[in-house]
Amino acid sequence: MILKRMNKRTNMLTAGAVVLAITPIIVIFFMVLASKKESVVLFENFSSKISIPIIGFYSLLCLAVISLGIYWLIKQIVSIIKLKNEKMKAELMLLKSQVSPHFFFNTLNNLYGLVVKDPQKAQELILKLSDMMRYSIYEGEKEKVQIQEEIEFLENYIELHKMRYHKLINVDFQYNIDENRTVTPLLFIILLENAFKHGVENLIENAYIKMNLITSQKEICFVIENSFEKRDRKSGIGLKNLKRRLELIYPDQHELTFSVNENKYKVRLVLKQL
């Protein structure tokens, strides 16, 4: 309400200043029409004591109008930038809200059948899932988290999947990090989930996942490799979500590459720290 009043007053002052500024032009126009002279000099019948202050007043008025114009232009640019930032934040919030339901939905589907077959294991999985949901809700809302917290989240996810499978899964997670480094939460989980979904779940034997996370002074590098059967792989909501979040949070400061070699699928994500 206050901002609306201020904008209204500013617009009224600007309109008044513009009217005063163009007054001399209107006066000259009518003087030319009313006079039979070939040329008309403004204030030619006034003494210098009167004409000089008037000219000075209008000169200051013109400067005021120019200043108001510059102020209005800057104000519009700032408003556009604010709107753009608010739109980006809203989109990020929407993308973040999609991450958690995406992999929790898949996990809950698997738990449904396990409740009847093995109630004790189902209870353990529910507790593990509860811890993950707590992290996703409270830590996932933050812009940055300690990288060690993100690693623990990934390890919990791995343990959760190992508990629900009835086959041997070889998951090797190596990392060499600076524990003081921070990272945007819930980025790596999408790649890990895809490795399970498109690799481990479809293989009866020789299923493996290898992950490597390294931090340096200038970047964070996450590499994940998994075995898989060659079939049509459609890009799901998780990967599209990840790509868009990277564009918004790390514009021109990230690399996301994919490679396929026989029955091996590899993804490399680099977050540059400028």
Protein backbone atom coordinates (compact mmCIF):
# COMPACT_ATOMS: atom_id res chain seq x y z
CA MET A 1 0.00 0.00 0.00
CA ILE A 2 2.81 2.40 0.93
CA LEU A 3 4.71 1.53 -2.25
CA LYS A 4 1.61 2.26 -4.34
CA ARG A 5 1.27 5.70 -2.73
CA MET A 6 4.95 6.47 -3.30
CA ASN A 7 4.68 5.41 -6.96
CA LYS A 8 1.56 7.56 -7.36
CA ARG A 9 3.31 10.62 -5.91
CA THR A 10 6.38 10.02 -8.08
CA ASN A 11 4.23 9.77 -11.20
CA MET A 12 2.38 13.00 -10.28
CA LEU A 13 5.64 14.88 -9.68
CA THR A 14 7.08 13.58 -12.94
CA ALA A 15 3.97 14.64 -14.87
CA GLY A 16 4.06 18.11 -13.26
CA ALA A 17 7.76 18.55 -14.05
CA VAL A 18 7.19 17.55 -17.67
CA VAL A 19 4.33 20.07 -18.01
CA LEU A 20 6.49 22.87 -16.59
CA ALA A 21 9.42 21.89 -18.79
CA ILE A 22 7.44 22.07 -22.03
CA THR A 23 5.75 25.35 -21.07
CA PRO A 24 8.45 27.53 -22.75
CA ILE A 25 8.03 25.55 -25.97
CA ILE A 26 4.28 26.13 -25.89
CA VAL A 27 4.81 29.87 -25.17
CA ILE A 28 7.25 30.23 -28.10
CA PHE A 29 4.82 28.39 -30.39
CA PHE A 30 1.95 30.77 -29.61
CA MET A 31 4.28 33.81 -29.78
CA VAL A 32 5.30 32.78 -33.27
CA LEU A 33 1.67 32.36 -34.28
CA ALA A 34 0.62 35.70 -32.77
CA SER A 35 3.61 37.69 -34.00
CA LYS A 36 4.22 38.99 -37.51
CA LYS A 37 7.96 38.81 -37.01
CA GLU A 38 10.09 36.31 -38.87
CA SER A 39 11.73 35.25 -35.59
CA VAL A 40 10.76 35.44 -31.96
CA VAL A 41 13.09 35.67 -28.96
CA LEU A 42 11.78 34.26 -25.72
CA PHE A 43 11.51 36.88 -22.95
CA GLU A 44 12.67 39.63 -25.36
CA ASN A 45 10.42 42.18 -23.62
CA PHE A 46 11.64 41.20 -20.14
CA SER A 47 14.58 42.73 -18.34
CA SER A 48 17.64 40.60 -17.63
CA LYS A 49 16.78 40.59 -13.89
CA ILE A 50 13.59 38.70 -14.70
CA SER A 51 14.56 36.63 -17.75
CA ILE A 52 17.82 35.21 -16.31
CA PRO A 53 16.16 33.71 -13.16
CA ILE A 54 13.35 32.31 -15.32
CA ILE A 55 15.82 30.73 -17.76
CA GLY A 56 17.82 29.40 -14.80
CA PHE A 57 14.66 27.94 -13.27
CA TYR A 58 13.75 26.14 -16.47
CA SER A 59 17.31 24.90 -16.91
CA LEU A 60 17.17 23.37 -13.43
CA LEU A 61 13.73 22.02 -14.24
CA CYS A 62 15.08 20.30 -17.36
CA LEU A 63 17.87 18.75 -15.30
CA ALA A 64 15.26 17.58 -12.80
CA VAL A 65 13.20 15.98 -15.57
CA ILE A 66 16.29 14.22 -16.95
CA SER A 67 17.20 13.04 -13.45
CA LEU A 68 13.67 11.73 -12.88
CA GLY A 69 13.84 9.95 -16.22
CA ILE A 70 17.13 8.28 -15.29
CA TYR A 71 15.72 7.38 -11.85
CA TRP A 72 12.62 5.85 -13.47
CA LEU A 73 14.75 3.87 -15.93
CA ILE A 74 17.00 2.52 -13.16
CA LYS A 75 13.93 1.68 -11.08
CA GLN A 76 12.43 -0.27 -13.99
CA ILE A 77 15.68 -2.19 -14.54
CA VAL A 78 15.90 -3.07 -10.83
CA SER A 79 12.26 -4.22 -10.87
CA ILE A 80 12.92 -6.45 -13.88
CA ILE A 81 15.98 -7.98 -12.19
CA LYS A 82 13.99 -8.58 -8.98
CA LEU A 83 11.17 -10.23 -10.91
CA LYS A 84 13.66 -12.41 -12.77
CA ASN A 85 15.32 -13.48 -9.49
CA GLU A 86 11.95 -14.18 -7.87
CA LYS A 87 10.92 -16.24 -10.88
CA MET A 88 14.18 -18.19 -10.72
CA LYS A 89 13.73 -18.84 -6.98
CA ALA A 90 10.17 -20.00 -7.53
CA GLU A 91 11.29 -22.37 -10.28
CA LEU A 92 14.08 -23.72 -8.06
CA MET A 93 11.62 -24.33 -5.24
CA LEU A 94 9.35 -26.21 -7.64
CA LEU A 95 12.25 -28.30 -8.94
CA LYS A 96 13.40 -29.11 -5.40
CA SER A 97 9.87 -30.11 -4.44
CA GLN A 98 9.87 -32.61 -7.33
CA VAL A 99 13.12 -34.34 -6.33
CA SER A 100 12.02 -35.90 -3.04
CA PRO A 101 8.63 -37.28 -4.15
CA HIS A 102 10.30 -38.68 -7.26
CA PHE A 103 12.57 -41.21 -5.55
CA PHE A 104 10.41 -41.65 -2.42
CA PHE A 105 7.53 -42.66 -4.67
CA ASN A 106 9.63 -45.44 -6.20
CA THR A 107 10.83 -46.61 -2.78
CA LEU A 108 7.32 -46.69 -1.30
CA ASN A 109 6.15 -48.81 -4.21
CA ASN A 110 8.84 -51.37 -3.39
CA LEU A 111 7.99 -51.26 0.33
CA TYR A 112 4.37 -52.11 -0.38
CA GLY A 113 5.16 -55.69 -1.36
CA LEU A 114 7.82 -56.09 1.32
CA VAL A 115 5.40 -55.32 4.18
CA VAL A 116 3.65 -58.68 3.57
CA LYS A 117 6.73 -60.77 2.70
CA ASP A 118 9.14 -59.53 5.38
CA PRO A 119 7.56 -57.17 7.96
CA GLN A 120 10.75 -56.82 10.02
CA LYS A 121 12.81 -55.71 7.04
CA ALA A 122 10.00 -53.41 5.99
CA GLN A 123 10.14 -51.72 9.40
CA GLU A 124 13.90 -51.19 9.08
CA LEU A 125 13.44 -49.73 5.62
CA ILE A 126 10.71 -47.39 6.85
CA LEU A 127 13.03 -46.05 9.59
CA LYS A 128 15.82 -45.53 7.06
CA LEU A 129 13.39 -43.86 4.69
CA SER A 130 12.18 -41.62 7.53
CA ASP A 131 15.74 -40.37 8.12
CA MET A 132 16.14 -39.65 4.43
CA MET A 133 12.84 -37.79 4.27
CA ARG A 134 13.86 -35.68 7.26
CA TYR A 135 17.10 -34.70 5.49
CA SER A 136 15.29 -34.03 2.22
CA ILE A 137 12.70 -31.78 3.86
CA TYR A 138 14.87 -29.77 6.23
CA GLU A 139 18.28 -29.78 4.56
CA GLY A 140 16.93 -29.90 1.03
CA GLU A 141 15.40 -26.44 1.46
CA LYS A 142 18.80 -24.88 2.10
CA GLU A 143 20.84 -23.32 -0.67
CA LYS A 144 24.02 -25.08 0.50
CA VAL A 145 24.86 -27.95 2.87
CA GLN A 146 28.10 -29.45 4.11
CA ILE A 147 29.34 -31.93 1.54
CA GLN A 148 29.79 -34.55 4.27
CA GLU A 149 26.04 -34.37 4.98
CA GLU A 150 25.29 -35.04 1.33
CA ILE A 151 27.63 -38.04 1.39
CA GLU A 152 25.82 -39.49 4.43
CA PHE A 153 22.53 -39.03 2.60
CA LEU A 154 23.86 -40.96 -0.40
CA GLU A 155 25.18 -43.72 1.87
CA ASN A 156 21.78 -44.05 3.54
CA TYR A 157 20.16 -44.35 0.14
CA ILE A 158 22.61 -47.10 -0.82
CA GLU A 159 21.93 -48.99 2.42
CA LEU A 160 18.19 -48.66 1.90
CA HIS A 161 18.44 -50.29 -1.54
CA LYS A 162 20.78 -53.03 -0.35
CA MET A 163 18.25 -53.98 2.34
CA ARG A 164 15.38 -54.37 -0.10
CA TYR A 165 17.16 -56.37 -2.80
CA HIS A 166 17.42 -60.18 -2.75
CA LYS A 167 20.62 -60.27 -4.80
CA LEU A 168 24.24 -59.30 -4.35
CA ILE A 169 24.94 -55.69 -5.24
CA ASN A 170 28.45 -54.34 -5.50
CA VAL A 171 28.39 -50.63 -4.63
CA ASP A 172 31.76 -48.93 -4.25
CA PHE A 173 31.66 -45.34 -3.02
CA GLN A 174 35.04 -43.61 -2.73
CA TYR A 175 35.52 -39.99 -1.81
CA ASN A 176 38.32 -37.57 -1.01
CA ILE A 177 36.82 -34.30 0.17
CA ASP A 178 37.37 -31.14 2.12
CA GLU A 179 34.71 -31.43 4.84
CA ASN A 180 34.37 -27.65 5.02
CA ARG A 181 33.18 -27.44 1.43
CA THR A 182 29.51 -26.89 0.72
CA VAL A 183 27.31 -27.99 -2.17
CA THR A 184 23.72 -27.60 -3.33
CA PRO A 185 21.72 -30.46 -1.79
CA LEU A 186 19.99 -33.27 -3.69
CA LEU A 187 21.99 -33.08 -6.91
CA PHE A 188 23.94 -36.34 -6.75
CA ILE A 189 20.98 -38.42 -5.55
CA ILE A 190 19.30 -38.18 -8.95
CA LEU A 191 22.30 -39.77 -10.68
CA LEU A 192 22.55 -42.47 -8.01
CA GLU A 193 18.85 -43.26 -8.33
CA ASN A 194 19.17 -43.60 -12.10
CA ALA A 195 22.10 -46.00 -11.62
CA PHE A 196 19.89 -48.25 -9.48
CA LYS A 197 16.77 -47.86 -11.58
CA HIS A 198 18.30 -48.40 -15.03
CA GLY A 199 21.20 -50.63 -13.99
CA VAL A 200 21.00 -52.70 -10.82
CA GLU A 201 17.26 -53.38 -10.90
CA ASN A 202 17.37 -54.80 -14.43
CA LEU A 203 20.36 -57.14 -13.92
CA ILE A 204 20.16 -60.58 -12.36
CA GLU A 205 23.93 -60.83 -11.76
CA ASN A 206 27.15 -58.79 -12.04
CA ALA A 207 25.33 -55.64 -11.00
CA TYR A 208 27.63 -52.90 -9.76
CA ILE A 209 27.82 -49.20 -9.09
CA LYS A 210 31.04 -47.24 -8.69
CA MET A 211 31.03 -43.69 -7.36
CA ASN A 212 33.85 -41.24 -6.84
CA LEU A 213 33.54 -37.80 -5.25
CA ILE A 214 36.52 -35.46 -5.14
CA THR A 215 36.81 -31.84 -4.11
CA SER A 216 39.60 -29.50 -5.11
CA GLN A 217 40.17 -25.80 -4.67
CA LYS A 218 38.34 -24.94 -7.88
CA GLU A 219 35.77 -27.70 -8.38
CA ILE A 220 33.72 -30.60 -7.08
CA CYS A 221 33.80 -33.70 -9.27
CA PHE A 222 31.28 -36.54 -8.97
CA VAL A 223 31.62 -39.59 -11.21
CA ILE A 224 29.22 -42.53 -11.17
CA GLU A 225 29.43 -45.68 -13.26
CA ASN A 226 27.04 -48.64 -13.38
CA SER A 227 26.45 -51.83 -15.31
CA PHE A 228 23.33 -51.99 -17.45
CA GLU A 229 21.60 -53.89 -20.22
CA LYS A 230 21.41 -52.15 -23.55
CA ARG A 231 17.86 -50.96 -24.09
CA ASP A 232 16.05 -47.76 -24.93
CA ARG A 233 16.68 -45.27 -22.12
CA LYS A 234 14.23 -42.43 -21.93
CA SER A 235 15.18 -39.29 -20.05
CA GLY A 236 12.85 -39.09 -17.04
CA ILE A 237 11.77 -36.23 -14.84
CA GLY A 238 14.76 -36.70 -12.51
CA LEU A 239 17.42 -36.04 -15.13
CA LYS A 240 15.50 -33.15 -16.68
CA ASN A 241 15.12 -31.71 -13.20
CA LEU A 242 18.85 -32.00 -12.55
CA LYS A 243 19.81 -30.32 -15.82
CA ARG A 244 17.50 -27.38 -15.18
CA ARG A 245 18.69 -26.92 -11.59
CA LEU A 246 22.29 -26.90 -12.79
CA GLU A 247 21.43 -24.25 -15.38
CA LEU A 248 19.88 -22.05 -12.70
CA ILE A 249 22.35 -22.59 -9.83
CA TYR A 250 25.61 -23.12 -11.72
CA PRO A 251 25.21 -21.23 -15.02
CA ASP A 252 28.35 -21.72 -17.14
CA GLN A 253 29.95 -23.26 -14.03
CA HIS A 254 29.17 -26.94 -14.49
CA GLU A 255 29.80 -29.89 -16.77
CA LEU A 256 27.45 -32.86 -17.10
CA THR A 257 28.62 -35.57 -19.49
CA PHE A 258 27.38 -39.08 -20.26
CA SER A 259 29.22 -41.99 -21.87
CA VAL A 260 28.21 -45.55 -22.81
CA ASN A 261 30.76 -48.32 -23.38
CA GLU A 262 29.37 -51.81 -24.01
CA ASN A 263 27.49 -52.61 -20.77
CA LYS A 264 28.86 -49.69 -18.80
CA TYR A 265 27.08 -46.38 -18.28
CA LYS A 266 29.08 -43.47 -16.88
CA VAL A 267 28.12 -39.95 -15.79
CA ARG A 268 30.51 -37.17 -14.79
CA LEU A 269 29.29 -34.04 -13.03
CA VAL A 270 31.69 -31.17 -12.33
CA LEU A 271 30.67 -28.15 -10.26
CA LYS A 272 33.10 -25.30 -10.71
CA GLN A 273 33.85 -23.03 -7.75
CA LEU A 274 34.73 -19.57 -9.10
